[in-house]
Protein backbone atom coordinates (compact mmCIF):
# COMPACT_ATOMS: atom_id res chain seq x y z
CA MET A 1 97.83 91.72 78.21
CA MET A 2 99.40 92.04 81.13
CA ASN A 3 102.75 93.87 81.29
CA ILE A 4 105.14 95.57 83.71
CA ASP A 5 103.04 99.21 82.95
CA ASN A 6 99.80 97.30 84.27
CA LEU A 7 100.97 95.61 86.89
CA ALA A 8 103.31 98.92 88.10
CA SER A 9 100.14 100.71 87.44
CA ILE A 10 98.02 98.77 90.00
CA PHE A 11 100.79 98.79 92.99
CA SER A 12 100.84 102.56 92.63
CA GLN A 13 96.91 103.64 92.78
CA ARG A 14 96.56 100.55 95.43
CA ASN A 15 100.04 101.74 98.00
CA GLY A 16 100.41 105.82 96.92
CA VAL A 17 103.38 105.68 95.36
CA GLN A 18 104.61 107.19 92.06
CA GLN A 19 104.47 105.36 89.14
CA SER A 20 107.97 105.33 87.95
CA MET A 21 109.36 104.33 92.45
CA SER A 22 106.66 101.78 91.11
CA SER A 23 107.59 100.04 88.20
CA SER A 24 111.15 99.99 89.76
CA ILE A 25 109.84 97.86 92.72
CA MET A 26 108.22 96.16 90.47
CA SER A 27 111.32 94.83 87.97
CA ALA A 28 113.08 94.61 90.95
CA ILE A 29 111.12 91.91 92.20
CA MET A 30 110.99 89.95 89.32
CA GLY A 31 114.45 90.66 88.53
CA TYR A 32 115.10 89.16 91.71
CA ILE A 33 112.92 85.85 90.61
CA MET A 34 114.44 85.17 87.91
CA GLN A 35 117.99 85.66 88.73
CA LYS A 36 117.18 83.15 91.06
CA GLY A 37 116.24 81.13 88.98
CA MET A 38 112.92 80.29 89.87
CA GLY A 39 111.95 81.79 85.96
CA SER A 40 111.98 78.09 84.99
CA MET A 41 109.08 77.15 87.55
CA LEU A 42 106.96 79.06 84.86
CA SER A 43 107.12 75.96 82.44
CA GLY A 44 107.50 73.56 85.02
CA GLY A 45 103.99 72.30 85.65
CA SER A 46 102.74 69.88 83.12
CA GLY A 47 98.45 69.45 82.86
CA SER A 48 96.56 72.62 83.23
CA GLY A 49 97.73 75.48 85.53
CA GLY A 50 100.98 74.02 86.02
CA GLY A 51 102.68 77.06 84.86
CA ALA A 52 100.31 79.26 88.10
CA GLU A 53 100.69 76.45 90.52
CA GLY A 54 104.58 77.00 90.27
CA ILE A 55 103.44 80.98 90.25
CA LYS A 56 101.83 81.10 93.24
CA SER A 57 104.16 78.73 94.88
CA MET A 58 107.47 80.24 93.85
CA LEU A 59 105.71 83.44 95.28
CA SER A 60 104.71 81.84 98.45
CA ASN A 61 108.88 80.04 98.32
CA LEU A 62 110.02 84.24 98.43
CA GLY A 63 107.82 85.28 101.59
CA GLY A 64 105.62 82.56 102.96
CA GLY A 65 102.53 82.73 101.56
CA SER A 66 101.51 86.62 101.13
CA GLY A 67 104.42 88.24 102.62
CA GLN A 68 104.44 87.68 105.92
CA GLY A 69 108.12 86.23 105.58
CA ILE A 70 109.58 89.51 104.38
CA ASN A 71 111.51 91.76 106.49
CA GLN A 72 114.01 94.32 105.91
CA ASP A 73 117.40 91.56 106.21
CA HIS A 74 115.90 89.77 103.35
CA GLU A 75 117.35 89.34 100.08
CA LEU A 76 115.11 90.44 98.20
CA VAL A 77 113.89 93.04 100.36
CA LYS A 78 117.93 94.36 100.48
CA HIS A 79 117.65 94.05 95.90
CA VAL A 80 114.62 95.80 95.92
CA GLN A 81 115.74 98.62 98.08
CA HIS A 82 119.02 98.90 96.53
CA ASN A 83 117.43 98.47 92.88
CA ALA A 84 114.75 101.04 93.35
CA GLY A 85 117.16 103.50 94.85
CA ILE A 86 114.62 102.98 98.18
CA LYS A 87 116.25 104.40 101.39
CA ASP A 88 114.37 103.23 104.08
CA PRO A 89 114.68 99.52 104.70
CA GLN A 90 111.13 98.77 106.76
CA GLN A 91 109.74 101.03 103.35
CA ALA A 92 111.48 98.62 101.53
CA SER A 93 110.22 95.53 103.06
CA GLN A 94 106.78 96.78 102.82
CA TYR A 95 106.93 98.00 99.28
CA THR A 96 108.45 93.86 98.46
CA ARG A 97 105.56 92.57 100.94
CA GLN A 98 102.60 94.72 99.04
CA GLY A 99 104.63 93.94 95.06
CA LEU A 100 104.57 89.95 96.42
CA ASP A 101 100.91 90.26 97.91
CA LEU A 102 99.88 91.43 94.29
CA MET A 103 101.71 89.44 91.96
CA ASN A 104 99.80 86.51 94.28
CA GLU A 105 96.43 87.98 93.54
CA GLN A 106 97.07 88.41 89.66
CA ALA A 107 98.36 84.77 89.81
CA ASP A 108 94.85 83.95 91.06
CA LYS A 109 92.61 86.18 88.71
CA ASN A 110 95.10 86.48 85.60
CA PRO A 111 97.98 83.15 85.76
CA GLN A 112 98.45 83.26 82.20
CA GLY A 113 98.94 87.28 81.72
CA LEU A 114 101.62 86.14 85.21
CA GLN A 115 103.04 83.76 83.37
CA SER A 116 102.96 86.05 80.64
CA LEU A 117 105.23 89.20 81.83
CA LEU A 118 107.35 87.03 83.95
CA GLY A 119 108.49 84.85 80.33
CA ASN A 120 108.53 87.66 77.97
CA PHE A 121 110.47 89.71 81.55
CA LEU A 122 112.90 86.38 81.58
CA GLY A 123 113.72 87.01 77.51
CA ALA A 124 114.04 91.01 78.06
CA SER A 125 116.06 90.60 80.59
CA GLY A 126 118.79 88.61 79.01
CA GLY A 127 118.46 85.65 82.24
CA GLY A 128 121.11 87.89 84.43
CA GLN A 129 121.30 91.38 84.53
CA GLN A 130 122.52 93.14 87.31
CA ASN A 131 122.30 97.57 87.38
CA LYS A 132 125.52 97.66 89.29
CA GLY A 133 126.26 101.23 88.82
CA GLY A 134 126.14 104.29 91.02
CA SER A 135 122.88 105.74 92.55
CA ASP A 136 120.85 106.22 89.00
CA SER A 137 117.49 104.28 90.33
CA GLY A 138 116.20 103.88 86.74
CA SER A 139 119.01 102.49 84.60
CA PHE A 140 117.62 99.51 86.09
CA LEU A 141 114.35 99.90 84.79
CA ASP A 142 115.50 101.50 81.22
CA ASN A 143 117.67 97.92 80.77
CA VAL A 144 114.20 96.27 81.29
CA ILE A 145 111.69 97.58 79.59
């Protein structure tokens, strides 16, 4: 079964990022997706693979395919930068693209696992929680997991 730790572990191994930062990045991306109401696309499709197609469509809409449309001015990048406590906007942009690429890949390899993870995340997040607090980048993650 896929969970946030599995996804963060893959991200960490591929990108040389600490596990805790990887968890914060992936949680921030998923939080943004749910906050924007894109989570409704998960259950939207009827027929075989409706959820998987919804995920692929949602990821494509976010980043123009494989994250190519993501730059440091994109709202998602700013969300990741703030919630993961990343100081450099270029680095936040890179990590956001890499996170979206990983989710896109998982949508191909394990669509049910990713759909379940996003569904669980939606339930755990209460639909719209956001860290408005100070600079404690871990508090967002603590509230989600």
